[in-house]
Amino acid sequence: VQLQASGGGLVEAGGSLRLSCRASGVNFKLHPIGWYRQAPGKQRELVGDISSSHVTNYSDSVKGRFAISRDNVWNTVYLQMNSLKPEDAAVYYCKIAARGRDFWGRGTQVTVSS
C-alpha cells in the first residue's frame, strides 16, 4: 500500500489550498481515509476523515473551513482548505487503515503567511 500526498505550498492567510492523496495497492473504495497534520514541536493531530460511504468528520479547529472528499475512480482523497490561518501551517499526512494496520503517506508541507 502506498499513499502519495501532494498540493502543499505557501499561501497567505485567508487563502486556499487543495491537497490530494492518491492510494495504490489497496481496494481504495472499501477503506476510510484520514488527514492528519503535525506542526513543529507538536503532536500529530487528526484534521478529519472520510468513510467508505463518504461520511466526513472534522476536528473543531477546521470545521467549516476544510472539506474532505474522495474519488474512488482515481483512488484519491482531497482536502480542500479555505480561510487558512497561520496556525494551520504544518506537514499534512494522509492515512488509510487497511489489512489490519495503518499506512501513512510521506506528507506535504503547508505554510501560511500572516
Protein backbone atom coordinates (compact mmCIF):
# COMPACT_ATOMS: atom_id res chain seq x y z
CA VAL A 1 0.00 0.00 0.00
CA GLN A 2 1.36 3.40 -0.96
CA LEU A 3 -0.04 6.87 -0.37
CA GLN A 4 1.25 9.93 -2.18
CA ALA A 5 0.20 13.30 -0.83
CA SER A 6 0.63 16.47 -2.84
CA GLY A 7 -0.62 20.02 -3.19
CA GLY A 8 1.08 21.72 -0.30
CA GLY A 9 2.77 25.07 -0.61
CA LEU A 10 2.91 28.63 0.63
CA VAL A 11 -0.30 30.60 0.89
CA GLU A 12 -1.31 33.85 2.52
CA ALA A 13 -3.64 33.84 5.48
CA GLY A 14 -7.21 33.73 4.22
CA GLY A 15 -6.21 31.81 1.14
CA SER A 16 -6.99 28.30 -0.02
CA LEU A 17 -5.16 25.13 -0.95
CA ARG A 18 -6.30 21.71 -2.07
CA LEU A 19 -4.30 18.70 -1.04
CA SER A 20 -4.53 15.36 -2.78
CA CYS A 21 -3.64 11.89 -1.61
CA ARG A 22 -3.55 9.07 -4.12
CA ALA A 23 -3.51 5.48 -2.94
CA SER A 24 -2.24 2.38 -4.67
CA GLY A 25 -2.02 -1.26 -3.74
CA VAL A 26 -5.32 -1.31 -1.90
CA ASN A 27 -9.01 -1.64 -2.68
CA PHE A 28 -9.38 2.06 -2.01
CA LYS A 29 -13.16 2.34 -2.03
CA LEU A 30 -13.52 -0.02 0.93
CA HIS A 31 -11.45 1.94 3.42
CA PRO A 32 -11.73 5.14 5.44
CA ILE A 33 -9.06 7.76 4.84
CA GLY A 34 -7.84 10.32 7.32
CA TRP A 35 -5.97 13.59 7.00
CA TYR A 36 -3.59 14.49 9.82
CA ARG A 37 -1.17 17.31 10.40
CA GLN A 38 1.87 17.92 12.50
CA ALA A 39 3.28 21.33 13.28
CA PRO A 40 6.84 21.76 14.60
CA GLY A 41 7.04 20.80 18.25
CA LYS A 42 3.50 19.47 18.33
CA GLN A 43 1.92 16.05 18.17
CA ARG A 44 0.32 14.80 15.03
CA GLU A 45 -3.40 15.53 15.11
CA LEU A 46 -6.42 14.45 13.18
CA VAL A 47 -7.74 17.04 10.77
CA GLY A 48 -10.62 14.96 9.51
CA ASP A 49 -11.56 11.75 7.82
CA ILE A 50 -13.93 10.27 5.31
CA SER A 51 -15.55 6.86 5.45
CA SER A 52 -16.02 4.43 2.61
CA SER A 53 -19.57 5.76 2.33
CA HIS A 54 -18.31 9.36 2.10
CA VAL A 55 -19.31 10.36 5.63
CA THR A 56 -16.93 13.03 6.85
CA ASN A 57 -15.74 14.06 10.27
CA TYR A 58 -13.66 17.12 11.18
CA SER A 59 -11.76 18.47 14.12
CA ASP A 60 -13.28 21.53 15.69
CA SER A 61 -10.32 23.64 14.62
CA VAL A 62 -11.06 23.17 10.92
CA LYS A 63 -14.80 22.60 10.88
CA GLY A 64 -16.49 24.92 8.42
CA ARG A 65 -13.21 25.78 6.66
CA PHE A 66 -11.92 22.43 5.42
CA ALA A 67 -13.68 19.79 3.36
CA ILE A 68 -12.68 16.23 2.59
CA SER A 69 -13.88 14.35 -0.44
CA ARG A 70 -12.87 11.19 -2.24
CA ASP A 71 -12.85 9.91 -5.79
CA ASN A 72 -12.97 6.14 -5.81
CA VAL A 73 -12.31 6.02 -9.56
CA TRP A 74 -8.96 7.75 -9.18
CA ASN A 75 -8.22 6.29 -5.71
CA THR A 76 -7.74 9.81 -4.44
CA VAL A 77 -8.86 11.73 -1.40
CA TYR A 78 -8.86 15.52 -1.30
CA LEU A 79 -8.56 18.07 1.45
CA GLN A 80 -9.92 21.45 0.43
CA MET A 81 -8.63 24.07 2.85
CA ASN A 82 -10.21 27.50 2.85
CA SER A 83 -9.75 30.57 5.04
CA LEU A 84 -6.34 29.33 6.04
CA LYS A 85 -4.80 30.64 9.23
CA PRO A 86 -1.16 30.75 10.32
CA GLU A 87 -1.95 28.05 12.86
CA ASP A 88 -2.91 25.70 10.02
CA ALA A 89 0.73 25.57 8.95
CA ALA A 90 2.03 22.03 9.28
CA VAL A 91 3.02 18.94 7.41
CA TYR A 92 -0.17 17.24 6.28
CA TYR A 93 -0.39 13.48 6.04
CA CYS A 94 -2.97 11.07 4.76
CA LYS A 95 -3.58 7.72 6.33
CA ILE A 96 -5.50 4.65 5.28
CA ALA A 97 -6.45 1.80 7.58
CA ALA A 98 -6.19 -1.46 5.68
CA ARG A 99 -5.10 -5.05 6.24
CA GLY A 100 -5.13 -4.59 9.98
CA ARG A 101 -2.75 -1.66 10.12
CA ASP A 102 -2.33 2.00 9.25
CA PHE A 103 -0.47 3.16 6.17
CA TRP A 104 0.82 6.74 6.02
CA GLY A 105 1.78 8.97 3.16
CA ARG A 106 5.01 10.98 3.29
CA GLY A 107 3.32 14.28 3.97
CA THR A 108 3.11 17.61 2.22
CA GLN A 109 4.13 20.94 3.74
CA VAL A 110 1.61 23.73 4.13
CA THR A 111 2.94 27.15 5.04
CA VAL A 112 0.62 30.05 5.82
CA SER A 113 1.99 33.55 5.91
CA SER A 114 0.33 36.18 8.10
